[in-house]
Protein backbone atom coordinates (compact mmCIF):
# COMPACT_ATOMS: atom_id res chain seq x y z
CA MET A 1 38.99 0.03 -13.32
CA SER A 2 37.62 2.99 -11.35
CA PRO A 3 33.89 3.35 -10.68
CA THR A 4 31.90 5.42 -13.13
CA PRO A 5 31.19 8.86 -11.67
CA ASN A 6 27.56 9.70 -10.98
CA PRO A 7 26.38 11.82 -13.96
CA THR A 8 23.73 13.57 -11.84
CA PRO A 9 24.96 17.01 -10.74
CA ALA A 10 25.88 17.11 -7.04
CA ARG A 11 23.37 19.86 -6.33
CA LEU A 12 20.51 17.69 -7.62
CA ARG A 13 21.68 14.81 -5.41
CA THR A 14 21.06 16.95 -2.30
CA ILE A 15 17.46 18.08 -2.90
CA PRO A 16 15.24 16.12 -0.48
CA SER A 17 12.11 16.22 -2.66
CA ARG A 18 14.06 14.86 -5.61
CA LEU A 19 15.61 12.11 -3.49
CA LEU A 20 12.21 11.17 -2.05
CA ALA A 21 10.71 10.99 -5.54
CA GLY A 22 13.51 8.72 -6.73
CA ALA A 23 13.19 6.46 -3.70
CA ALA A 24 9.40 6.39 -4.12
CA LEU A 25 9.76 5.29 -7.74
CA ALA A 26 12.11 2.49 -6.72
CA ALA A 27 9.80 1.42 -3.89
CA ASP A 28 6.71 1.44 -6.10
CA ARG A 29 8.50 -0.58 -8.77
CA LEU A 30 9.69 -3.21 -6.28
CA VAL A 31 6.28 -3.61 -4.65
CA SER A 32 4.36 -3.54 -7.94
CA GLU A 33 6.60 -6.17 -9.55
CA ARG A 34 6.26 -8.56 -6.63
CA LEU A 35 2.51 -8.13 -6.33
CA ALA A 36 1.98 -8.40 -10.10
CA ALA A 37 3.77 -11.76 -10.10
CA GLU A 38 0.95 -12.93 -7.81
CA GLY A 39 -1.82 -11.29 -9.87
CA ALA A 40 -2.29 -8.56 -7.27
CA HIS A 41 -1.63 -4.86 -6.84
CA LYS A 42 -1.13 -2.46 -3.95
CA TRP A 43 -4.83 -1.61 -3.66
CA HIS A 44 -5.69 -5.27 -3.10
CA PHE A 45 -3.16 -5.33 -0.30
CA ALA A 46 -4.49 -2.11 1.23
CA VAL A 47 -8.10 -3.33 1.30
CA LEU A 48 -7.15 -6.72 2.76
CA VAL A 49 -5.05 -5.05 5.47
CA ALA A 50 -7.84 -2.59 6.32
CA LEU A 51 -10.37 -5.40 6.69
CA ALA A 52 -7.98 -7.58 8.70
CA GLU A 53 -7.03 -4.80 11.11
CA ALA A 54 -10.32 -2.93 11.59
CA GLY A 55 -12.99 -5.43 10.55
CA ALA A 56 -15.94 -5.31 8.20
CA ALA A 57 -16.77 -1.99 6.55
CA SER A 58 -18.83 -0.29 3.88
CA GLN A 59 -17.21 0.70 0.59
CA ALA A 60 -17.13 4.32 1.74
CA GLU A 61 -15.45 3.39 5.01
CA LEU A 62 -12.86 1.28 3.18
CA SER A 63 -12.17 4.25 0.93
CA ARG A 64 -11.50 6.41 4.00
CA ARG A 65 -9.34 3.74 5.67
CA THR A 66 -7.17 3.11 2.63
CA GLY A 67 -7.12 6.43 0.77
CA ILE A 68 -8.42 4.70 -2.37
CA TYR A 69 -10.84 6.90 -4.28
CA ARG A 70 -14.43 5.71 -4.06
CA SER A 71 -14.64 5.58 -7.85
CA ASP A 72 -11.72 3.10 -7.91
CA MET A 73 -12.88 1.08 -4.91
CA VAL A 74 -15.66 -0.73 -6.79
CA ALA A 75 -13.21 -2.26 -9.28
CA VAL A 76 -10.83 -3.30 -6.50
CA LEU A 77 -13.67 -4.92 -4.56
CA ASN A 78 -14.93 -6.68 -7.69
CA GLU A 79 -11.48 -8.19 -8.25
CA LEU A 80 -11.22 -9.30 -4.61
CA ALA A 81 -14.76 -10.73 -4.68
CA ASP A 82 -14.00 -12.64 -7.89
CA ALA A 83 -10.99 -14.17 -6.10
CA GLU A 84 -13.25 -15.00 -3.10
CA CYS A 85 -11.07 -12.84 -0.81
CA ILE A 86 -14.00 -10.73 0.37
CA ARG A 87 -17.72 -11.10 0.80
CA ARG A 88 -20.34 -8.42 0.18
CA GLU A 89 -23.53 -8.65 2.18
CA PRO A 90 -26.38 -6.18 2.58
CA ASP A 91 -26.02 -4.00 5.66
CA PRO A 92 -28.84 -4.96 8.05
CA ALA A 93 -29.09 -1.30 9.15
CA ASP A 94 -29.28 0.05 5.58
CA ARG A 95 -30.12 -2.44 2.82
CA ARG A 96 -28.98 0.08 0.16
CA ARG A 97 -25.33 -0.47 1.02
CA ASN A 98 -23.10 -3.49 1.41
CA VAL A 99 -20.84 -4.53 4.23
CA ILE A 100 -17.51 -5.93 3.06
CA THR A 101 -15.91 -8.74 5.10
CA LEU A 102 -12.67 -10.64 4.76
CA THR A 103 -13.00 -14.35 3.96
CA PRO A 104 -10.62 -17.14 5.02
CA THR A 105 -9.31 -17.10 1.44
CA GLY A 106 -8.70 -13.37 1.83
CA ARG A 107 -6.77 -13.93 5.06
CA HIS A 108 -4.58 -16.50 3.32
CA ARG A 109 -4.09 -14.13 0.37
CA LEU A 110 -3.11 -11.33 2.76
CA GLU A 111 -0.49 -13.56 4.40
CA ARG A 112 1.07 -14.26 0.99
CA LEU A 113 0.99 -10.59 -0.05
CA ASP A 114 2.44 -9.58 3.33
CA THR A 115 5.43 -11.82 2.63
CA LEU A 116 5.93 -10.19 -0.77
CA ILE A 117 5.67 -6.68 0.68
CA THR A 118 8.15 -7.57 3.43
CA ASP A 119 10.60 -8.90 0.84
CA ALA A 120 10.25 -5.72 -1.23
CA GLN A 121 10.89 -3.56 1.86
CA ARG A 122 13.96 -5.62 2.70
CA GLU A 123 15.36 -5.10 -0.79
CA LEU A 124 14.51 -1.39 -0.84
CA LEU A 125 16.16 -0.72 2.52
CA ALA A 126 19.11 -3.13 2.09
CA PRO A 127 21.80 -0.39 2.09
CA LEU A 128 20.65 0.84 5.54
CA THR A 129 21.35 -0.57 8.98
CA PRO A 130 18.34 -1.70 11.02
CA ASP A 131 18.54 1.50 13.10
CA GLN A 132 18.67 3.62 9.94
CA GLN A 133 15.68 1.73 8.52
CA ASP A 134 13.67 2.46 11.68
CA GLU A 135 14.68 6.13 11.64
CA LEU A 136 13.85 6.53 7.95
CA THR A 137 10.44 4.96 8.51
CA ARG A 138 9.80 7.25 11.46
CA LEU A 139 10.83 10.36 9.52
CA LEU A 140 8.76 9.41 6.48
CA ALA A 141 5.73 8.92 8.75
CA VAL A 142 6.26 12.42 10.20
CA LEU A 143 6.44 13.96 6.71
CA THR A 144 3.45 12.01 5.45
CA GLU A 145 1.27 12.90 8.44
CA HIS A 146 2.22 16.57 8.10
CA HIS A 147 1.55 16.91 4.37
CA HIS A 148 -1.34 14.55 3.64
CA PRO A 149 -4.98 15.39 4.27
CA PRO A 150 -6.91 12.94 6.46
CA HIS A 151 -8.29 9.89 4.63
CA GLY A 152 -11.63 10.56 3.06
CA ALA A 153 -10.79 14.19 2.26
CA GLN A 154 -10.39 13.26 -1.39
């Protein structure tokens, strides 16, 4: 039995923006499914990574670091606080705002989510050689840096 021909017209299979959109949908699905199985989502991961890599921060600073809208950040932080992954404490320099810190539970949670993200990346990039994976990542970073406004410009 011969393989079924691709029903998508050849011309559509060569448009970079269309290919990127399709790959992005697949990537988002893979990551979202894995994180959801652990009761998490990509914003949880982003906040935990930002705190682990750059340290304690205000909600506004976390919004800038992660690209998560300030209006959405409160809900994300509430969920992480309920899971004891973060701690909110009044900022000694300005008691009107909180400083968010990562807890030991949050570090452990991040390790688990990191494993899930790594597995999703492995599955997404499976058809590529390691060199192709590195090159794709490099090229996507170039495109992203060129077209996206700096964090916090939302």
